Amino acid sequence: MSDAESNDATFALTLAEPTMVDIDLRDIDPEAAVDTIVYVRRVCDAADTQIACGDDIPCSESDISGGCDRGVQVRQSRIRARLEAGTYFIVVDALVYRDFDCGEVELRVDAL
């Protein structure tokens, strides 16, 4: 679970068949410096149904300039997972540099 202290946003993802997905959350507002976190749940408001969590990715895998700390890009989070058919909830969250509402982030969900 995330120890994030900021607001979060939740999005439903419905898959008709088992699918390998790439969920990429990135800070696109260099002024806010949002430290992103993304996770996937089976039930929207039930933290105990969390099945995946993505936090900082290696700097070598990121195309964001700035924000690298000890070899990881804190402004980008990613989950790559094979999900069975059904509905999932993608929770967009952040550790606070400033409150999450003060920065602009981009969520990308792609089938691989």
Protein backbone atom coordinates (compact mmCIF):
# COMPACT_ATOMS: atom_id res chain seq x y z
CA MET A 1 0.00 0.00 0.00
CA SER A 2 1.06 3.55 -0.57
CA ASP A 3 1.76 5.83 2.34
CA ALA A 4 0.83 8.75 0.16
CA GLU A 5 -0.61 11.76 1.91
CA SER A 6 -2.29 13.43 -1.04
CA ASN A 7 -5.58 13.17 -2.90
CA ASP A 8 -5.87 10.44 -5.47
CA ALA A 9 -7.90 9.79 -8.60
CA THR A 10 -9.42 6.48 -9.67
CA PHE A 11 -10.17 5.23 -13.17
CA ALA A 12 -12.02 2.07 -14.22
CA LEU A 13 -10.39 -0.24 -16.77
CA THR A 14 -12.52 -3.02 -18.27
CA LEU A 15 -10.87 -5.78 -20.26
CA ALA A 16 -12.91 -8.15 -22.46
CA GLU A 17 -10.10 -10.74 -22.52
CA PRO A 18 -6.81 -11.42 -20.74
CA THR A 19 -4.45 -8.60 -21.71
CA MET A 20 -0.88 -7.56 -21.05
CA VAL A 21 -1.08 -3.88 -20.09
CA ASP A 22 1.40 -1.08 -19.63
CA ILE A 23 0.18 1.53 -17.15
CA ASP A 24 2.42 4.60 -17.16
CA LEU A 25 1.92 7.56 -14.84
CA ARG A 26 4.16 10.58 -15.26
CA ASP A 27 4.52 14.08 -13.93
CA ILE A 28 4.32 16.51 -16.85
CA ASP A 29 4.55 19.66 -14.73
CA PRO A 30 8.20 20.34 -13.85
CA GLU A 31 7.15 23.18 -11.54
CA ALA A 32 5.18 20.83 -9.25
CA ALA A 33 7.67 17.92 -9.13
CA VAL A 34 5.04 15.26 -8.38
CA ASP A 35 6.44 11.95 -7.08
CA THR A 36 3.97 9.58 -8.75
CA ILE A 37 2.55 6.26 -7.55
CA VAL A 38 0.05 4.07 -9.41
CA TYR A 39 -1.74 0.93 -8.30
CA VAL A 40 -4.39 -1.46 -9.53
CA ARG A 41 -7.26 -2.81 -7.46
CA ARG A 42 -10.08 -5.25 -8.11
CA VAL A 43 -12.52 -3.22 -5.97
CA CYS A 44 -12.41 0.57 -6.15
CA ASP A 45 -12.53 1.47 -2.47
CA ALA A 46 -11.01 -1.70 -0.99
CA ALA A 47 -7.26 -1.34 -0.46
CA ASP A 48 -6.97 -5.04 0.39
CA THR A 49 -7.86 -5.90 -3.24
CA GLN A 50 -4.73 -4.22 -4.60
CA ILE A 51 -3.01 -6.52 -7.11
CA ALA A 52 -0.17 -4.34 -8.40
CA CYS A 53 1.72 -1.21 -7.43
CA GLY A 54 4.17 0.90 -9.42
CA ASP A 55 6.49 3.50 -8.02
CA ASP A 56 9.73 5.05 -9.25
CA ILE A 57 11.26 3.52 -12.39
CA PRO A 58 14.98 3.30 -13.24
CA CYS A 59 16.31 6.55 -14.73
CA SER A 60 17.58 4.54 -17.72
CA GLU A 61 13.95 3.65 -18.61
CA SER A 62 12.56 7.19 -18.36
CA ASP A 63 12.46 9.99 -20.91
CA ILE A 64 11.70 12.64 -18.28
CA SER A 65 14.50 15.09 -17.63
CA GLY A 66 15.16 15.95 -14.01
CA GLY A 67 13.83 14.15 -10.97
CA CYS A 68 16.29 11.27 -10.87
CA ASP A 69 17.29 10.39 -7.34
CA ARG A 70 19.59 7.49 -6.46
CA GLY A 71 19.11 5.93 -9.89
CA VAL A 72 15.33 6.15 -10.06
CA GLN A 73 12.94 8.60 -11.70
CA VAL A 74 10.57 9.67 -8.94
CA ARG A 75 8.34 11.55 -11.40
CA GLN A 76 7.31 8.40 -13.30
CA SER A 77 5.69 5.13 -12.21
CA ARG A 78 4.81 2.07 -14.27
CA ILE A 79 3.00 -1.22 -13.98
CA ARG A 80 3.37 -3.92 -16.63
CA ALA A 81 1.11 -6.85 -15.90
CA ARG A 82 -1.07 -9.48 -17.50
CA LEU A 83 -4.62 -8.91 -16.30
CA GLU A 84 -7.48 -11.34 -16.72
CA ALA A 85 -10.78 -10.24 -18.26
CA GLY A 86 -12.80 -8.05 -15.93
CA THR A 87 -12.94 -4.60 -14.42
CA TYR A 88 -10.02 -3.08 -12.54
CA PHE A 89 -9.49 0.26 -10.87
CA ILE A 90 -6.35 2.26 -11.56
CA VAL A 91 -5.53 4.54 -8.65
CA VAL A 92 -3.35 7.55 -9.43
CA ASP A 93 -1.59 8.84 -6.35
CA ALA A 94 1.50 10.75 -5.30
CA LEU A 95 3.89 11.22 -2.46
CA VAL A 96 3.70 14.87 -1.61
CA TYR A 97 6.30 17.37 -2.71
CA ARG A 98 3.24 19.54 -3.03
CA ASP A 99 -0.32 18.32 -2.94
CA PHE A 100 -1.20 16.12 -5.92
CA ASP A 101 -3.89 18.58 -6.96
CA CYS A 102 -1.21 21.20 -7.61
CA GLY A 103 0.60 19.33 -10.37
CA GLU A 104 -0.27 17.98 -13.77
CA VAL A 105 0.23 14.30 -14.51
CA GLU A 106 -0.48 12.07 -17.48
CA LEU A 107 -1.82 8.51 -17.27
CA ARG A 108 -1.28 6.22 -20.24
CA VAL A 109 -2.78 2.72 -20.45
CA ASP A 110 -1.75 0.61 -23.41
CA ALA A 111 -2.25 -3.03 -24.39
CA LEU A 112 1.03 -4.74 -25.21
